[in-house]
């Protein structure tokens, strides 16, 4: 099977049955054997990642009036 790519516009809808099937899977039944264990954390530098990621700030105003 080849690579399947989707965009937000072409993403197929998720049915309620699909969600129920995923929810029914137990953690013990998930096969992690093809995922390599991470043992080298030397390249993990969260302080450098924070410099490159800048969250979008949105101003929110709320006026509360007594009734």
Protein backbone atom coordinates (compact mmCIF):
# COMPACT_ATOMS: atom_id res chain seq x y z
CA UNK A 1 0.00 0.00 0.00
CA UNK A 2 1.33 3.42 -0.93
CA UNK A 3 1.35 6.67 0.98
CA UNK A 4 -2.04 8.23 1.59
CA UNK A 5 -2.17 11.99 2.03
CA UNK A 6 -5.06 14.15 3.12
CA UNK A 7 -5.63 17.86 3.56
CA UNK A 8 -8.21 19.38 5.85
CA UNK A 9 -10.51 19.79 2.85
CA UNK A 10 -10.19 16.18 1.64
CA UNK A 11 -10.15 14.47 5.03
CA UNK A 12 -12.89 11.82 5.19
CA UNK A 13 -15.50 12.26 7.92
CA UNK A 14 -15.13 10.21 11.11
CA UNK A 15 -18.21 8.18 11.95
CA UNK A 16 -19.47 7.42 15.42
CA UNK A 17 -18.76 3.72 14.80
CA UNK A 18 -15.11 4.53 14.05
CA UNK A 19 -14.77 6.42 17.32
CA UNK A 20 -16.38 3.57 19.24
CA UNK A 21 -13.97 1.07 17.63
CA UNK A 22 -10.94 3.13 18.66
CA UNK A 23 -12.31 3.63 22.16
CA UNK A 24 -12.82 -0.13 22.53
CA UNK A 25 -9.09 -0.88 22.05
CA UNK A 26 -7.34 -1.56 25.35
CA UNK A 27 -3.87 -0.16 26.02
CA UNK A 28 -2.53 -3.70 26.44
CA UNK A 29 -3.65 -4.58 22.89
CA UNK A 30 -1.60 -1.84 21.20
CA UNK A 31 1.58 -3.15 19.53
CA UNK A 32 4.55 -0.84 20.12
CA UNK A 33 7.16 -3.26 18.75
CA UNK A 34 7.84 -1.21 15.59
CA UNK A 35 8.53 2.00 17.54
CA UNK A 36 12.20 2.37 18.51
CA UNK A 37 12.98 3.25 22.11
CA UNK A 38 14.36 6.76 22.58
CA UNK A 39 17.62 6.58 24.50
CA UNK A 40 19.44 9.67 23.21
CA UNK A 41 17.99 12.85 24.67
CA UNK A 42 21.00 15.00 23.75
CA UNK A 43 19.11 16.69 20.92
CA UNK A 44 16.10 17.47 23.12
CA UNK A 45 16.36 21.12 24.05
CA UNK A 46 12.96 22.56 24.98
CA UNK A 47 14.47 25.99 25.74
CA UNK A 48 15.50 26.28 22.07
CA UNK A 49 12.10 25.15 20.86
CA UNK A 50 10.44 27.91 22.87
CA UNK A 51 12.38 30.55 20.96
CA UNK A 52 11.11 29.33 17.60
CA UNK A 53 7.49 28.84 18.64
CA UNK A 54 5.52 32.00 19.25
CA UNK A 55 1.87 31.47 20.17
CA UNK A 56 -0.78 33.65 18.62
CA UNK A 57 -2.13 36.09 21.16
CA UNK A 58 -5.74 37.21 21.00
CA UNK A 59 -7.08 40.09 23.07
CA UNK A 60 -10.34 39.25 24.84
CA UNK A 61 -12.49 41.94 26.45
CA UNK A 62 -15.43 41.30 28.73
CA UNK A 63 -17.66 43.92 30.34
CA UNK A 64 -19.65 42.71 33.34
CA UNK A 65 -22.72 44.75 34.14
CA UNK A 66 -24.82 44.19 37.27
CA UNK A 67 -28.42 43.20 36.59
